[in-house]
C-alpha atoms as a PDB file:
ATOM      1  CA  UNK A   1     169.863 118.065   9.463  1.00  0.00           C
ATOM      2  CA  UNK A   2     173.296 118.567   7.867  1.00  0.00           C
ATOM      3  CA  UNK A   3     176.548 117.704   9.610  1.00  0.00           C
ATOM      4  CA  UNK A   4     177.416 121.315  10.558  1.00  0.00           C
ATOM      5  CA  UNK A   5     174.012 121.887  12.134  1.00  0.00           C
ATOM      6  CA  UNK A   6     174.299 118.627  14.049  1.00  0.00           C
ATOM      7  CA  UNK A   7     177.742 119.656  15.319  1.00  0.00           C
ATOM      8  CA  UNK A   8     176.415 123.058  16.396  1.00  0.00           C
ATOM      9  CA  UNK A   9     173.592 121.361  18.275  1.00  0.00           C
ATOM     10  CA  UNK A  10     176.041 119.114  20.112  1.00  0.00           C
ATOM     11  CA  UNK A  11     178.204 122.131  20.954  1.00  0.00           C
ATOM     12  CA  UNK A  12     175.243 123.969  22.477  1.00  0.00           C
ATOM     13  CA  UNK A  13     174.749 121.052  24.865  1.00  0.00           C
ATOM     14  CA  UNK A  14     178.156 121.869  26.368  1.00  0.00           C
ATOM     15  CA  UNK A  15     178.076 125.673  26.131  1.00  0.00           C
ATOM     16  CA  UNK A  16     176.974 126.352  29.723  1.00  0.00           C
ATOM     17  CA  UNK A  17     179.729 124.100  31.100  1.00  0.00           C
ATOM     18  CA  UNK A  18     182.376 125.711  28.888  1.00  0.00           C
ATOM     19  CA  UNK A  19     181.159 129.152  29.921  1.00  0.00           C
ATOM     20  CA  UNK A  20     181.386 128.204  33.594  1.00  0.00           C
ATOM     21  CA  UNK A  21     184.949 126.909  33.194  1.00  0.00           C
ATOM     22  CA  UNK A  22     186.034 129.946  31.180  1.00  0.00           C
ATOM     23  CA  UNK A  23     184.525 132.449  33.599  1.00  0.00           C
ATOM     24  CA  UNK A  24     186.297 130.953  36.586  1.00  0.00           C
ATOM     25  CA  UNK A  25     189.516 130.822  34.616  1.00  0.00           C
ATOM     26  CA  UNK A  26     189.316 134.408  33.359  1.00  0.00           C
ATOM     27  CA  UNK A  27     187.086 136.294  35.814  1.00  0.00           C
ATOM     28  CA  UNK A  28     185.524 138.274  32.956  1.00  0.00           C
ATOM     29  CA  UNK A  29     182.312 137.280  31.224  1.00  0.00           C
ATOM     30  CA  UNK A  30     183.343 139.079  28.034  1.00  0.00           C
ATOM     31  CA  UNK A  31     186.607 137.149  27.828  1.00  0.00           C
ATOM     32  CA  UNK A  32     184.861 133.921  28.815  1.00  0.00           C
ATOM     33  CA  UNK A  33     182.408 134.320  25.922  1.00  0.00           C
ATOM     34  CA  UNK A  34     185.356 134.915  23.584  1.00  0.00           C
ATOM     35  CA  UNK A  35     187.043 131.723  24.805  1.00  0.00           C
ATOM     36  CA  UNK A  36     183.872 129.690  24.261  1.00  0.00           C
ATOM     37  CA  UNK A  37     183.458 131.155  20.776  1.00  0.00           C
ATOM     38  CA  UNK A  38     187.059 130.254  19.955  1.00  0.00           C
ATOM     39  CA  UNK A  39     186.363 126.689  21.108  1.00  0.00           C
ATOM     40  CA  UNK A  40     183.445 126.530  18.675  1.00  0.00           C
ATOM     41  CA  UNK A  41     185.605 127.803  15.794  1.00  0.00           C
ATOM     42  CA  UNK A  42     188.233 125.166  16.530  1.00  0.00           C
ATOM     43  CA  UNK A  43     185.557 122.493  16.715  1.00  0.00           C
ATOM     44  CA  UNK A  44     184.122 123.547  13.342  1.00  0.00           C
ATOM     45  CA  UNK A  45     187.568 123.279  11.756  1.00  0.00           C
ATOM     46  CA  UNK A  46     188.447 119.885  13.270  1.00  0.00           C
ATOM     47  CA  UNK A  47     187.895 116.300  12.211  1.00  0.00           C
ATOM     48  CA  UNK A  48     185.847 114.860  15.073  1.00  0.00           C
ATOM     49  CA  UNK A  49     185.442 111.340  13.715  1.00  0.00           C
ATOM     50  CA  UNK A  50     187.817 109.846  16.303  1.00  0.00           C
ATOM     51  CA  UNK A  51     186.605 111.937  19.286  1.00  0.00           C
ATOM     52  CA  UNK A  52     184.515 109.822  21.649  1.00  0.00           C
ATOM     53  CA  UNK A  53     184.131 112.346  24.492  1.00  0.00           C
ATOM     54  CA  UNK A  54     183.151 115.674  22.966  1.00  0.00           C
ATOM     55  CA  UNK A  55     182.676 117.348  26.354  1.00  0.00           C
ATOM     56  CA  UNK A  56     186.172 116.401  27.463  1.00  0.00           C
ATOM     57  CA  UNK A  57     187.638 117.521  24.136  1.00  0.00           C
ATOM     58  CA  UNK A  58     185.913 120.907  24.358  1.00  0.00           C
ATOM     59  CA  UNK A  59     186.957 121.379  27.986  1.00  0.00           C
ATOM     60  CA  UNK A  60     190.573 120.771  26.979  1.00  0.00           C
ATOM     61  CA  UNK A  61     190.318 123.216  24.078  1.00  0.00           C
ATOM     62  CA  UNK A  62     188.679 126.003  26.079  1.00  0.00           C
ATOM     63  CA  UNK A  63     191.169 125.484  28.915  1.00  0.00           C
ATOM     64  CA  UNK A  64     194.079 125.941  26.503  1.00  0.00           C
ATOM     65  CA  UNK A  65     192.463 129.074  25.104  1.00  0.00           C
ATOM     66  CA  UNK A  66     191.962 130.483  28.610  1.00  0.00           C
ATOM     67  CA  UNK A  67     195.522 129.634  29.611  1.00  0.00           C
ATOM     68  CA  UNK A  68     196.864 131.534  26.613  1.00  0.00           C
ATOM     69  CA  UNK A  69     194.640 134.501  27.443  1.00  0.00           C
ATOM     70  CA  UNK A  70     195.821 134.513  31.056  1.00  0.00           C
ATOM     71  CA  UNK A  71     199.455 134.416  30.008  1.00  0.00           C
ATOM     72  CA  UNK A  72     199.052 137.181  27.447  1.00  0.00           C
ATOM     73  CA  UNK A  73     197.354 139.546  29.875  1.00  0.00           C
ATOM     74  CA  UNK A  74     199.831 138.965  32.704  1.00  0.00           C
ATOM     75  CA  UNK A  75     201.854 141.964  31.484  1.00  0.00           C
ATOM     76  CA  UNK A  76     198.867 144.226  30.933  1.00  0.00           C
ATOM     77  CA  UNK A  77     196.880 144.228  34.158  1.00  0.00           C
ATOM     78  CA  UNK A  78     193.651 146.257  34.015  1.00  0.00           C
ATOM     79  CA  UNK A  79     193.999 149.726  35.553  1.00  0.00           C
ATOM     80  CA  UNK A  80     190.392 149.971  36.646  1.00  0.00           C
ATOM     81  CA  UNK A  81     187.686 147.657  37.877  1.00  0.00           C
ATOM     82  CA  UNK A  82     185.607 148.058  34.713  1.00  0.00           C
ATOM     83  CA  UNK A  83     188.335 147.696  32.083  1.00  0.00           C
ATOM     84  CA  UNK A  84     187.057 144.933  29.850  1.00  0.00           C
ATOM     85  CA  UNK A  85     188.028 144.112  26.271  1.00  0.00           C
ATOM     86  CA  UNK A  86     185.953 146.188  23.849  1.00  0.00           C
ATOM     87  CA  UNK A  87     187.282 144.652  20.662  1.00  0.00           C
ATOM     88  CA  UNK A  88     187.062 140.881  21.116  1.00  0.00           C
ATOM     89  CA  UNK A  89     188.999 138.635  18.779  1.00  0.00           C
ATOM     90  CA  UNK A  90     185.780 136.875  17.809  1.00  0.00           C
ATOM     91  CA  UNK A  91     182.696 139.016  17.327  1.00  0.00           C
ATOM     92  CA  UNK A  92     179.410 138.053  18.962  1.00  0.00           C
ATOM     93  CA  UNK A  93     175.881 139.011  18.091  1.00  0.00           C
ATOM     94  CA  UNK A  94     174.877 139.853  21.656  1.00  0.00           C
ATOM     95  CA  UNK A  95     176.998 142.003  23.945  1.00  0.00           C
ATOM     96  CA  UNK A  96     177.674 141.079  27.575  1.00  0.00           C
ATOM     97  CA  UNK A  97     175.104 142.455  29.985  1.00  0.00           C
ATOM     98  CA  UNK A  98     176.805 144.163  32.987  1.00  0.00           C
ATOM     99  CA  UNK A  99     173.929 143.124  35.248  1.00  0.00           C
ATOM    100  CA  UNK A 100     174.318 139.529  34.118  1.00  0.00           C
ATOM    101  CA  UNK A 101     178.010 139.655  34.897  1.00  0.00           C
ATOM    102  CA  UNK A 102     177.328 141.142  38.338  1.00  0.00           C
ATOM    103  CA  UNK A 103     174.890 138.327  39.135  1.00  0.00           C
ATOM    104  CA  UNK A 104     177.356 135.729  37.865  1.00  0.00           C
ATOM    105  CA  UNK A 105     180.222 137.192  39.899  1.00  0.00           C
ATOM    106  CA  UNK A 106     178.082 137.155  43.018  1.00  0.00           C
ATOM    107  CA  UNK A 107     177.020 133.549  42.440  1.00  0.00           C
ATOM    108  CA  UNK A 108     180.599 132.364  41.923  1.00  0.00           C
ATOM    109  CA  UNK A 109     181.848 134.357  44.905  1.00  0.00           C
ATOM    110  CA  UNK A 110     183.522 137.755  44.747  1.00  0.00           C
ATOM    111  CA  UNK A 111     186.278 136.753  47.145  1.00  0.00           C
ATOM    112  CA  UNK A 112     187.020 133.615  45.108  1.00  0.00           C
ATOM    113  CA  UNK A 113     187.342 135.625  41.891  1.00  0.00           C
ATOM    114  CA  UNK A 114     189.665 138.097  43.586  1.00  0.00           C
ATOM    115  CA  UNK A 115     191.912 135.369  45.006  1.00  0.00           C
ATOM    116  CA  UNK A 116     191.967 133.461  41.710  1.00  0.00           C
ATOM    117  CA  UNK A 117     193.161 136.650  40.042  1.00  0.00           C
ATOM    118  CA  UNK A 118     196.298 136.553  42.223  1.00  0.00           C
ATOM    119  CA  UNK A 119     197.312 133.070  41.072  1.00  0.00           C
ATOM    120  CA  UNK A 120     199.783 132.292  38.317  1.00  0.00           C
ATOM    121  CA  UNK A 121     198.057 131.031  35.122  1.00  0.00           C
ATOM    122  CA  UNK A 122     199.131 127.397  35.604  1.00  0.00           C
ATOM    123  CA  UNK A 123     198.069 127.443  39.274  1.00  0.00           C
ATOM    124  CA  UNK A 124     194.707 128.899  38.378  1.00  0.00           C
ATOM    125  CA  UNK A 125     194.083 126.322  35.663  1.00  0.00           C
ATOM    126  CA  UNK A 126     195.083 123.401  37.893  1.00  0.00           C
ATOM    127  CA  UNK A 127     192.898 124.590  40.776  1.00  0.00           C
ATOM    128  CA  UNK A 128     189.851 125.517  38.697  1.00  0.00           C
ATOM    129  CA  UNK A 129     189.795 122.341  36.632  1.00  0.00           C
ATOM    130  CA  UNK A 130     190.521 119.950  39.506  1.00  0.00           C
ATOM    131  CA  UNK A 131     188.883 121.521  42.549  1.00  0.00           C
ATOM    132  CA  UNK A 132     185.906 123.174  40.864  1.00  0.00           C
ATOM    133  CA  UNK A 133     185.238 120.772  37.974  1.00  0.00           C
ATOM    134  CA  UNK A 134     186.784 117.471  39.146  1.00  0.00           C
ATOM    135  CA  UNK A 135     189.078 117.052  36.137  1.00  0.00           C
ATOM    136  CA  UNK A 136     191.798 114.454  36.965  1.00  0.00           C
ATOM    137  CA  UNK A 137     195.371 115.682  37.290  1.00  0.00           C
ATOM    138  CA  UNK A 138     196.590 113.359  34.534  1.00  0.00           C
ATOM    139  CA  UNK A 139     194.255 115.181  32.119  1.00  0.00           C
ATOM    140  CA  UNK A 140     195.296 118.634  33.327  1.00  0.00           C
ATOM    141  CA  UNK A 141     199.041 117.975  33.258  1.00  0.00           C
ATOM    142  CA  UNK A 142     199.488 118.034  29.445  1.00  0.00           C
ATOM    143  CA  UNK A 143     197.776 121.433  29.261  1.00  0.00           C
ATOM    144  CA  UNK A 144     200.495 123.068  31.350  1.00  0.00           C
ATOM    145  CA  UNK A 145     203.302 120.737  30.264  1.00  0.00           C
ATOM    146  CA  UNK A 146     203.816 119.369  33.770  1.00  0.00           C
ATOM    147  CA  UNK A 147     203.754 115.905  35.293  1.00  0.00           C
ATOM    148  CA  UNK A 148     200.577 114.889  37.177  1.00  0.00           C
ATOM    149  CA  UNK A 149     202.537 115.113  40.457  1.00  0.00           C
ATOM    150  CA  UNK A 150     203.719 118.658  39.679  1.00  0.00           C
ATOM    151  CA  UNK A 151     200.196 119.613  38.622  1.00  0.00           C
ATOM    152  CA  UNK A 152     198.885 118.294  41.940  1.00  0.00           C
ATOM    153  CA  UNK A 153     201.408 120.483  43.758  1.00  0.00           C
ATOM    154  CA  UNK A 154     200.298 123.550  41.789  1.00  0.00           C
ATOM    155  CA  UNK A 155     196.663 122.901  42.706  1.00  0.00           C
ATOM    156  CA  UNK A 156     197.606 122.346  46.343  1.00  0.00           C
ATOM    157  CA  UNK A 157     199.537 125.612  46.458  1.00  0.00           C
ATOM    158  CA  UNK A 158     196.625 127.440  44.868  1.00  0.00           C
ATOM    159  CA  UNK A 159     194.224 125.809  47.335  1.00  0.00           C
ATOM    160  CA  UNK A 160     196.254 127.130  50.272  1.00  0.00           C
ATOM    161  CA  UNK A 161     196.059 130.632  48.808  1.00  0.00           C
ATOM    162  CA  UNK A 162     192.328 130.353  48.223  1.00  0.00           C
ATOM    163  CA  UNK A 163     191.543 128.960  51.682  1.00  0.00           C
ATOM    164  CA  UNK A 164     194.046 131.058  53.609  1.00  0.00           C
ATOM    165  CA  UNK A 165     195.131 130.552  57.193  1.00  0.00           C
ATOM    166  CA  UNK A 166     192.901 131.877  59.983  1.00  0.00           C
ATOM    167  CA  UNK A 167     194.797 133.993  62.486  1.00  0.00           C
ATOM    168  CA  UNK A 168     192.392 133.268  65.341  1.00  0.00           C
ATOM    169  CA  UNK A 169     190.745 130.150  66.841  1.00  0.00           C
ATOM    170  CA  UNK A 170     187.634 128.751  65.191  1.00  0.00           C
ATOM    171  CA  UNK A 171     185.377 130.027  67.979  1.00  0.00           C
ATOM    172  CA  UNK A 172     186.621 133.589  67.478  1.00  0.00           C
ATOM    173  CA  UNK A 173     186.296 133.211  63.721  1.00  0.00           C
ATOM    174  CA  UNK A 174     182.663 132.100  64.120  1.00  0.00           C
ATOM    175  CA  UNK A 175     181.869 135.128  66.285  1.00  0.00           C
ATOM    176  CA  UNK A 176     183.610 137.458  63.839  1.00  0.00           C
ATOM    177  CA  UNK A 177     181.683 135.962  60.943  1.00  0.00           C
ATOM    178  CA  UNK A 178     178.371 136.421  62.746  1.00  0.00           C
ATOM    179  CA  UNK A 179     179.104 140.096  63.501  1.00  0.00           C
ATOM    180  CA  UNK A 180     180.449 140.885  60.024  1.00  0.00           C
ATOM    181  CA  UNK A 181     177.524 139.115  58.331  1.00  0.00           C
ATOM    182  CA  UNK A 182     175.118 141.157  60.466  1.00  0.00           C
ATOM    183  CA  UNK A 183     177.006 144.366  59.600  1.00  0.00           C
ATOM    184  CA  UNK A 184     176.733 143.610  55.884  1.00  0.00           C
ATOM    185  CA  UNK A 185     173.050 142.642  56.097  1.00  0.00           C
ATOM    186  CA  UNK A 186     172.190 145.816  57.998  1.00  0.00           C
ATOM    187  CA  UNK A 187     174.126 147.973  55.529  1.00  0.00           C
ATOM    188  CA  UNK A 188     172.585 146.309  52.465  1.00  0.00           C
ATOM    189  CA  UNK A 189     169.104 146.551  53.914  1.00  0.00           C
ATOM    190  CA  UNK A 190     169.422 150.107  55.175  1.00  0.00           C
ATOM    191  CA  UNK A 191     168.667 149.029  58.764  1.00  0.00           C
ATOM    192  CA  UNK A 192     170.275 151.908  60.621  1.00  0.00           C
ATOM    193  CA  UNK A 193     169.263 150.930  64.163  1.00  0.00           C
ATOM    194  CA  UNK A 194     170.485 147.349  63.661  1.00  0.00           C
ATOM    195  CA  UNK A 195     173.809 148.705  62.468  1.00  0.00           C
ATOM    196  CA  UNK A 196     174.238 150.969  65.487  1.00  0.00           C
ATOM    197  CA  UNK A 197     173.716 148.033  67.854  1.00  0.00           C
ATOM    198  CA  UNK A 198     176.667 146.218  66.247  1.00  0.00           C
ATOM    199  CA  UNK A 199     179.040 149.129  66.825  1.00  0.00           C
ATOM    200  CA  UNK A 200     180.808 150.027  70.050  1.00  0.00           C
ATOM    201  CA  UNK A 201     179.719 153.525  71.182  1.00  0.00           C
ATOM    202  CA  UNK A 202     183.304 154.738  70.666  1.00  0.00           C
ATOM    203  CA  UNK A 203     183.958 152.859  67.418  1.00  0.00           C
ATOM    204  CA  UNK A 204     186.588 154.439  65.146  1.00  0.00           C
ATOM    205  CA  UNK A 205     186.609 154.189  61.338  1.00  0.00           C
ATOM    206  CA  UNK A 206     189.758 154.991  59.367  1.00  0.00           C
ATOM    207  CA  UNK A 207     189.742 155.189  55.565  1.00  0.00           C
ATOM    208  CA  UNK A 208     192.752 155.820  53.340  1.00  0.00           C
ATOM    209  CA  UNK A 209     192.710 158.680  50.799  1.00  0.00           C
ATOM    210  CA  UNK A 210     191.763 156.429  47.867  1.00  0.00           C
ATOM    211  CA  UNK A 211     188.328 155.899  49.413  1.00  0.00           C
ATOM    212  CA  UNK A 212     187.615 159.614  48.813  1.00  0.00           C
ATOM    213  CA  UNK A 213     186.277 162.166  48.455  1.00  0.00           C
ATOM    214  CA  UNK A 214     189.001 164.054  50.375  1.00  0.00           C
ATOM    215  CA  UNK A 215     192.711 163.822  49.459  1.00  0.00           C
ATOM    216  CA  UNK A 216     193.581 162.944  53.077  1.00  0.00           C
ATOM    217  CA  UNK A 217     192.795 159.909  55.235  1.00  0.00           C
ATOM    218  CA  UNK A 218     189.367 160.007  56.873  1.00  0.00           C
ATOM    219  CA  UNK A 219     188.880 159.321  60.579  1.00  0.00           C
ATOM    220  CA  UNK A 220     185.412 159.327  62.135  1.00  0.00           C
ATOM    221  CA  UNK A 221     184.222 158.016  65.480  1.00  0.00           C
ATOM    222  CA  UNK A 222     181.052 157.207  67.341  1.00  0.00           C
ATOM    223  CA  UNK A 223     178.481 154.540  66.528  1.00  0.00           C
ATOM    224  CA  UNK A 224     175.896 156.919  65.070  1.00  0.00           C
ATOM    225  CA  UNK A 225     178.401 158.757  62.859  1.00  0.00           C
ATOM    226  CA  UNK A 226     179.993 155.542  61.573  1.00  0.00           C
ATOM    227  CA  UNK A 227     176.562 153.996  60.925  1.00  0.00           C
ATOM    228  CA  UNK A 228     175.546 157.031  58.872  1.00  0.00           C
ATOM    229  CA  UNK A 229     178.697 156.642  56.800  1.00  0.00           C
ATOM    230  CA  UNK A 230     177.885 152.983  56.216  1.00  0.00           C
ATOM    231  CA  UNK A 231     174.358 153.862  55.111  1.00  0.00           C
ATOM    232  CA  UNK A 232     175.817 156.237  52.525  1.00  0.00           C
ATOM    233  CA  UNK A 233     177.641 153.251  51.016  1.00  0.00           C
ATOM    234  CA  UNK A 234     174.512 151.089  50.785  1.00  0.00           C
ATOM    235  CA  UNK A 235     174.778 150.640  47.007  1.00  0.00           C
ATOM    236  CA  UNK A 236     178.436 149.641  47.252  1.00  0.00           C
ATOM    237  CA  UNK A 237     177.498 147.012  49.808  1.00  0.00           C
ATOM    238  CA  UNK A 238     175.609 145.099  47.129  1.00  0.00           C
ATOM    239  CA  UNK A 239     178.957 144.124  45.564  1.00  0.00           C
ATOM    240  CA  UNK A 240     180.550 143.195  48.884  1.00  0.00           C
ATOM    241  CA  UNK A 241     181.054 139.774  50.472  1.00  0.00           C
ATOM    242  CA  UNK A 242     182.742 138.413  53.609  1.00  0.00           C
ATOM    243  CA  UNK A 243     186.323 137.223  53.163  1.00  0.00           C
ATOM    244  CA  UNK A 244     189.303 136.254  55.242  1.00  0.00           C
ATOM    245  CA  UNK A 245     191.398 139.432  55.457  1.00  0.00           C
ATOM    246  CA  UNK A 246     194.885 138.816  56.839  1.00  0.00           C
ATOM    247  CA  UNK A 247     193.519 135.807  58.706  1.00  0.00           C
ATOM    248  CA  UNK A 248     190.439 137.437  60.259  1.00  0.00           C
ATOM    249  CA  UNK A 249     186.910 138.027  58.976  1.00  0.00           C
ATOM    250  CA  UNK A 250     186.435 141.186  56.945  1.00  0.00           C
ATOM    251  CA  UNK A 251     184.647 142.410  53.847  1.00  0.00           C
ATOM    252  CA  UNK A 252     185.876 142.599  50.264  1.00  0.00           C
ATOM    253  CA  UNK A 253     184.171 144.942  47.831  1.00  0.00           C
ATOM    254  CA  UNK A 254     184.736 143.667  44.313  1.00  0.00           C
ATOM    255  CA  UNK A 255     182.357 144.932  41.618  1.00  0.00           C
ATOM    256  CA  UNK A 256     182.340 142.361  38.795  1.00  0.00           C
ATOM    257  CA  UNK A 257     185.056 140.440  40.607  1.00  0.00           C
ATOM    258  CA  UNK A 258     187.629 143.271  40.559  1.00  0.00           C
ATOM    259  CA  UNK A 259     188.896 144.144  44.045  1.00  0.00           C
ATOM    260  CA  UNK A 260     188.010 147.751  44.881  1.00  0.00           C
ATOM    261  CA  UNK A 261     188.374 148.023  48.637  1.00  0.00           C
ATOM    262  CA  UNK A 262     188.600 145.976  51.835  1.00  0.00           C
ATOM    263  CA  UNK A 263     187.092 146.547  55.262  1.00  0.00           C
ATOM    264  CA  UNK A 264     189.083 145.145  58.178  1.00  0.00           C
ATOM    265  CA  UNK A 265     187.305 144.919  61.553  1.00  0.00           C
ATOM    266  CA  UNK A 266     188.438 144.802  65.151  1.00  0.00           C
ATOM    267  CA  UNK A 267     185.765 143.074  67.236  1.00  0.00           C
ATOM    268  CA  UNK A 268     185.686 142.924  71.019  1.00  0.00           C
ATOM    269  CA  UNK A 269     182.986 141.218  73.085  1.00  0.00           C
ATOM    270  CA  UNK A 270     180.697 140.999  70.080  1.00  0.00           C
ATOM    271  CA  UNK A 271     180.946 144.682  69.125  1.00  0.00           C
ATOM    272  CA  UNK A 272     182.915 146.365  66.334  1.00  0.00           C
ATOM    273  CA  UNK A 273     185.456 148.709  67.895  1.00  0.00           C
ATOM    274  CA  UNK A 274     187.498 149.643  64.809  1.00  0.00           C
ATOM    275  CA  UNK A 275     187.007 149.590  61.050  1.00  0.00           C
ATOM    276  CA  UNK A 276     189.828 150.162  58.589  1.00  0.00           C
ATOM    277  CA  UNK A 277     188.884 150.839  54.971  1.00  0.00           C
ATOM    278  CA  UNK A 278     191.679 150.111  52.499  1.00  0.00           C
ATOM    279  CA  UNK A 279     191.433 151.135  48.848  1.00  0.00           C
ATOM    280  CA  UNK A 280     194.918 152.244  47.807  1.00  0.00           C
ATOM    281  CA  UNK A 281     196.227 149.733  45.217  1.00  0.00           C
ATOM    282  CA  UNK A 282     199.599 149.356  46.941  1.00  0.00           C
ATOM    283  CA  UNK A 283     197.960 148.497  50.251  1.00  0.00           C
ATOM    284  CA  UNK A 284     195.408 146.183  48.652  1.00  0.00           C
ATOM    285  CA  UNK A 285     198.234 144.279  46.966  1.00  0.00           C
ATOM    286  CA  UNK A 286     199.765 143.589  50.379  1.00  0.00           C
ATOM    287  CA  UNK A 287     196.592 142.148  51.924  1.00  0.00           C
ATOM    288  CA  UNK A 288     196.327 138.387  52.286  1.00  0.00           C
ATOM    289  CA  UNK A 289     192.795 137.759  51.049  1.00  0.00           C
ATOM    290  CA  UNK A 290     191.187 134.309  51.165  1.00  0.00           C
ATOM    291  CA  UNK A 291     187.788 132.666  50.817  1.00  0.00           C
ATOM    292  CA  UNK A 292     185.629 131.943  53.847  1.00  0.00           C
ATOM    293  CA  UNK A 293     183.874 128.587  54.057  1.00  0.00           C
ATOM    294  CA  UNK A 294     180.105 128.781  53.941  1.00  0.00           C
END
């Protein structure tokens, strides 16, 4: 086996790890694959004779690539949930499978991807590398040109954003989570009767115009009517997960990790009395979204 083939074999041993880091950094499988490919190109061009820890070296390289990508796209936010790069800097033989990306987004956590997307590039890098991959702060600091102490502060600030601050006591939060989880399970499974039992007989659902299909806000009431509306959104529910919405338990719909709409619930005595569906970009931007602990 020649030296290049041996190097390629060693790189493949680290590919899945590099892909995992890149995806959490970028939130797009297409861009993550590009970052990993760029890491390989840099490896192939480098003298590795003095590198003892290839995995650490590659993690550093792919992190720098991701950081540059995050910074460059900060001024060109995607206008739609499915706007992915179609002309990658480094070509690949196999295109990204949308179903594969959907599965990956769901496994990572849709709410986590959405919250990570709100962080500044340096915050995101510090949090992802330290909290998700246990990279020490003194190794992260040079990547963002900060001291280890400042890097720790960035990760801490990001952690507070990711975790959020519950607006209700833990007991109320537990009850809310149980009701919202049951609502999502019933909607995903098409269990109409189960859904009706979770709704107050006089439940009211309000949806802003962006939810469609009418140009005006939608208001419907009654458990049966609201349950029928939820059943109509059964397919959408597959890309929905519980999240902390302004400090209380709600649902975030984020196909491929791109926030599309949020459902905020009012729950009284174990029943859902109000549902607000928010999809307008300006309103979504003002929502404090955080990740719920399992």
